Amino acid sequence: MLVLLLAACDKTPQPPMMYGGGERVSDAPIWLADELGYYADVNLKLAGYANSAEVTQALRERKVQVAILTLDEALLLRRDIPDLKIVLLLAEYADGAHASGKQYDVLAARDEDIGPRHREMVGLVQGWRRALDEMQKDPAKAMPLMAARKHLDAESFANAWRGVTLLGWASNQELLLDDPPRIAPDLDAAQRFLLSRGLIQMGGDAVTLVQPALLSEKDAGRE
């Protein structure tokens, strides 16, 4: 009884959920959301890394719980993180990456973290959605803020968007919620490419990489 009572009285705050971002511009709305104060009430902290290799290493070492990856990186990371899941698509690159088909930037997390960090995940997505709206309503305000958070001047930041199509809530639902999801051919193409290059040794059902639960939740769409 004493042990249970002490556990019930433990008010030690949970450490913030860590987000890992790199040099890619497709997560700029997440940084904009932070700049605009949309994460003020979310137990979340954003960590910037110099490149994608540092981001994947941080996720591998559990320094962050959620991070931006390319689709190929997510497939590669499953060797080390078998329960890795894509929870959101951030951007699409129409030209793809050589023979691997259409390429995406994605938000990924361990499946075992998605449930315990549900409130933070929902808060992260809410802020991202609000920032996308702000980008459309007031780009003159949003673009300089995002460039500054990415440590880029205006011209470099504008050039970084070439070939990048940001994906919003409706696009995510369209691509991820069907059974099988409409992104399945792109997942399969990316996996075949990695197999052909010897970058992964075994394939599997690439669709299992997708965990779109947040896209079905009303809370994640509430502002």
Protein backbone atom coordinates (compact mmCIF):
# COMPACT_ATOMS: atom_id res chain seq x y z
CA MET A 1 0.00 0.00 0.00
CA LEU A 2 2.84 2.38 0.85
CA VAL A 3 4.51 1.76 -2.51
CA LEU A 4 1.24 2.44 -4.34
CA LEU A 5 0.64 5.61 -2.32
CA LEU A 6 4.12 6.94 -3.04
CA ALA A 7 3.71 6.17 -6.75
CA ALA A 8 0.39 8.01 -6.81
CA CYS A 9 1.97 11.03 -5.14
CA ASP A 10 4.92 11.18 -7.53
CA LYS A 11 4.52 14.45 -9.42
CA THR A 12 7.86 14.28 -11.24
CA PRO A 13 7.23 15.94 -14.61
CA GLN A 14 7.77 13.86 -17.72
CA PRO A 15 10.70 15.10 -19.79
CA PRO A 16 9.70 16.80 -23.05
CA MET A 17 9.28 14.78 -26.20
CA MET A 18 12.25 15.61 -28.40
CA TYR A 19 11.86 16.35 -32.10
CA GLY A 20 14.91 16.05 -34.35
CA GLY A 21 15.16 18.27 -37.40
CA GLY A 22 17.93 18.62 -39.94
CA GLU A 23 18.82 20.73 -42.93
CA ARG A 24 15.73 19.85 -45.00
CA VAL A 25 13.19 22.64 -45.45
CA SER A 26 10.08 20.45 -45.42
CA ASP A 27 9.84 20.63 -41.63
CA ALA A 28 9.94 24.44 -41.67
CA PRO A 29 6.25 24.59 -40.63
CA ILE A 30 7.15 22.76 -37.41
CA TRP A 31 9.81 25.35 -36.61
CA LEU A 32 7.38 28.11 -37.56
CA ALA A 33 4.81 26.66 -35.16
CA ASP A 34 7.39 26.86 -32.39
CA GLU A 35 8.31 30.42 -33.35
CA LEU A 36 4.64 31.46 -33.24
CA GLY A 37 4.14 29.92 -29.80
CA TYR A 38 1.87 27.09 -30.91
CA TYR A 39 3.86 24.63 -28.78
CA ALA A 40 3.82 26.75 -25.64
CA ASP A 41 1.46 24.31 -23.90
CA VAL A 42 2.95 21.15 -25.45
CA ASN A 43 5.62 19.15 -23.62
CA LEU A 44 7.82 19.29 -26.68
CA LYS A 45 11.31 20.50 -27.51
CA LEU A 46 12.82 20.94 -30.97
CA ALA A 47 16.44 19.98 -31.58
CA GLY A 48 18.25 21.04 -34.75
CA TYR A 49 21.00 18.91 -36.31
CA ALA A 50 23.49 19.78 -39.03
CA ASN A 51 22.47 17.03 -41.44
CA SER A 52 20.28 13.97 -41.93
CA ALA A 53 22.99 11.59 -40.71
CA GLU A 54 22.97 13.31 -37.32
CA VAL A 55 19.17 13.17 -37.21
CA THR A 56 19.05 9.43 -37.89
CA GLN A 57 21.78 8.83 -35.31
CA ALA A 58 19.85 10.84 -32.72
CA LEU A 59 16.75 8.75 -33.37
CA ARG A 60 18.77 5.55 -33.25
CA GLU A 61 20.30 6.55 -29.91
CA ARG A 62 16.93 7.70 -28.47
CA LYS A 63 18.08 11.29 -28.11
CA VAL A 64 14.88 12.22 -29.96
CA GLN A 65 11.54 10.42 -30.07
CA VAL A 66 10.28 11.79 -33.39
CA ALA A 67 12.24 13.09 -36.37
CA ILE A 68 12.20 14.11 -40.00
CA LEU A 69 13.51 11.42 -42.38
CA THR A 70 13.36 10.69 -46.07
CA LEU A 71 11.33 7.65 -47.06
CA ASP A 72 14.55 5.81 -47.94
CA GLU A 73 16.07 6.68 -44.57
CA ALA A 74 13.00 5.33 -42.79
CA LEU A 75 13.28 2.03 -44.65
CA LEU A 76 17.00 1.82 -43.87
CA LEU A 77 16.47 2.61 -40.19
CA ARG A 78 14.12 -0.33 -39.76
CA ARG A 79 17.24 -2.52 -39.55
CA ASP A 80 18.07 -0.85 -36.24
CA ILE A 81 14.57 0.23 -35.17
CA PRO A 82 12.18 -2.59 -36.17
CA ASP A 83 9.12 -0.78 -34.80
CA LEU A 84 9.82 2.50 -36.63
CA LYS A 85 6.63 4.04 -38.05
CA ILE A 86 5.77 6.88 -40.41
CA VAL A 87 3.12 9.02 -38.71
CA LEU A 88 2.97 11.92 -41.18
CA LEU A 89 4.13 12.94 -44.65
CA LEU A 90 5.75 16.37 -44.72
CA ALA A 91 6.66 16.82 -48.39
CA GLU A 92 6.85 15.17 -51.78
CA TYR A 93 9.57 15.34 -54.40
CA ALA A 94 8.06 14.70 -57.81
CA ASP A 95 11.37 13.85 -59.45
CA GLY A 96 12.10 11.14 -56.88
CA ALA A 97 15.65 9.81 -56.31
CA HIS A 98 16.99 8.06 -59.45
CA ALA A 99 15.21 4.69 -59.75
CA SER A 100 13.56 4.62 -56.34
CA GLY A 101 10.40 6.35 -57.50
CA LYS A 102 8.63 9.24 -55.82
CA GLN A 103 10.41 10.46 -52.70
CA TYR A 104 8.96 11.88 -49.51
CA ASP A 105 10.08 13.56 -46.34
CA VAL A 106 8.30 11.96 -43.41
CA LEU A 107 7.76 12.29 -39.70
CA ALA A 108 8.79 9.04 -37.99
CA ALA A 109 8.76 7.64 -34.47
CA ARG A 110 9.07 4.33 -32.66
CA ASP A 111 5.73 2.58 -32.33
CA GLU A 112 6.40 2.11 -28.61
CA ASP A 113 6.65 5.90 -28.18
CA ILE A 114 3.54 6.85 -30.14
CA GLY A 115 1.09 5.72 -27.46
CA PRO A 116 2.85 7.02 -24.33
CA ARG A 117 3.56 10.31 -26.10
CA HIS A 118 0.09 10.61 -27.60
CA ARG A 119 -0.66 14.07 -26.21
CA GLU A 120 2.65 15.45 -27.45
CA MET A 121 2.21 13.82 -30.87
CA VAL A 122 -1.24 15.37 -31.22
CA GLY A 123 0.15 18.74 -30.11
CA LEU A 124 2.99 18.48 -32.63
CA VAL A 125 0.54 17.80 -35.47
CA GLN A 126 -1.84 20.55 -34.36
CA GLY A 127 0.96 23.11 -34.42
CA TRP A 128 2.15 21.90 -37.81
CA ARG A 129 -1.37 22.32 -39.24
CA ARG A 130 -1.77 25.80 -37.81
CA ALA A 131 1.63 26.81 -39.22
CA LEU A 132 0.68 25.58 -42.69
CA ASP A 133 -2.43 27.77 -42.50
CA GLU A 134 -0.31 30.72 -41.42
CA MET A 135 2.03 30.18 -44.36
CA GLN A 136 -0.93 30.46 -46.73
CA LYS A 137 -2.57 33.42 -44.99
CA ASP A 138 0.53 35.53 -44.38
CA PRO A 139 3.58 34.29 -46.32
CA ALA A 140 5.31 37.67 -45.97
CA LYS A 141 5.40 37.11 -42.21
CA ALA A 142 5.96 33.34 -42.22
CA MET A 143 8.81 33.02 -44.72
CA PRO A 144 11.36 35.27 -42.90
CA LEU A 145 10.58 33.55 -39.60
CA MET A 146 11.17 30.11 -41.11
CA ALA A 147 14.34 31.23 -42.89
CA ALA A 148 15.75 32.57 -39.65
CA ARG A 149 15.01 29.34 -37.77
CA LYS A 150 16.75 27.43 -40.57
CA HIS A 151 19.71 29.83 -40.38
CA LEU A 152 19.34 30.78 -44.04
CA ASP A 153 19.11 34.11 -45.80
CA ALA A 154 15.94 34.83 -47.79
CA GLU A 155 17.43 33.88 -51.17
CA SER A 156 18.92 30.60 -49.98
CA PHE A 157 15.69 29.70 -48.23
CA ALA A 158 13.64 30.40 -51.36
CA ASN A 159 16.01 28.28 -53.48
CA ALA A 160 15.74 25.39 -51.02
CA TRP A 161 12.04 25.01 -51.84
CA ARG A 162 12.65 24.12 -55.50
CA GLY A 163 11.10 20.75 -56.26
CA VAL A 164 9.50 20.54 -52.80
CA THR A 165 5.72 20.20 -52.44
CA LEU A 166 4.48 20.47 -48.87
CA LEU A 167 1.76 17.97 -48.00
CA GLY A 168 -1.07 19.03 -45.75
CA TRP A 169 -3.74 17.24 -43.73
CA ALA A 170 -5.97 16.29 -46.68
CA SER A 171 -3.04 14.93 -48.71
CA ASN A 172 -1.88 12.84 -45.76
CA GLN A 173 -5.33 11.34 -45.28
CA GLU A 174 -5.58 10.61 -49.00
CA LEU A 175 -2.18 8.91 -49.17
CA LEU A 176 -2.08 7.06 -45.83
CA LEU A 177 -5.57 6.14 -44.65
CA ASP A 178 -6.77 3.69 -47.30
CA ASP A 179 -6.21 -0.06 -46.92
CA PRO A 180 -3.78 -0.53 -48.54
CA PRO A 181 -2.62 3.11 -48.44
CA ARG A 182 -2.21 4.91 -51.74
CA ILE A 183 1.46 5.43 -50.91
CA ALA A 184 2.04 1.66 -51.09
CA PRO A 185 3.51 1.64 -54.66
CA ASP A 186 6.01 4.32 -53.67
CA LEU A 187 6.97 2.37 -50.55
CA ASP A 188 7.49 -0.77 -52.62
CA ALA A 189 9.52 1.09 -55.25
CA ALA A 190 11.79 2.61 -52.61
CA GLN A 191 12.32 -0.79 -51.00
CA ARG A 192 13.16 -2.44 -54.33
CA PHE A 193 15.69 0.31 -55.03
CA LEU A 194 17.43 -0.20 -51.69
CA LEU A 195 17.46 -3.97 -52.21
CA SER A 196 18.93 -3.60 -55.71
CA ARG A 197 21.75 -1.46 -54.29
CA GLY A 198 22.46 -3.89 -51.48
CA LEU A 199 21.60 -1.23 -48.91
CA ILE A 200 19.12 -3.55 -47.22
CA GLN A 201 19.40 -7.33 -47.27
CA MET A 202 15.78 -8.33 -46.77
CA GLY A 203 12.50 -6.87 -47.92
CA GLY A 204 9.10 -7.26 -46.36
CA ASP A 205 5.70 -5.68 -46.33
CA ALA A 206 6.73 -2.05 -46.64
CA VAL A 207 3.19 -0.92 -45.86
CA THR A 208 3.72 -1.92 -42.22
CA LEU A 209 5.98 1.12 -41.95
CA VAL A 210 2.87 3.33 -41.97
CA GLN A 211 1.05 4.19 -38.72
CA PRO A 212 -1.62 6.76 -39.62
CA ALA A 213 -3.54 6.72 -36.32
CA LEU A 214 -3.05 10.46 -35.74
CA LEU A 215 -4.76 11.20 -39.06
CA SER A 216 -7.94 9.53 -37.84
CA GLU A 217 -8.14 11.51 -34.60
CA LYS A 218 -10.40 14.52 -34.29
CA ASP A 219 -8.10 16.00 -31.65
CA ALA A 220 -5.22 16.21 -34.12
CA GLY A 221 -7.36 18.39 -36.35
CA ARG A 222 -8.62 20.74 -33.65
CA GLU A 223 -7.11 24.19 -33.37
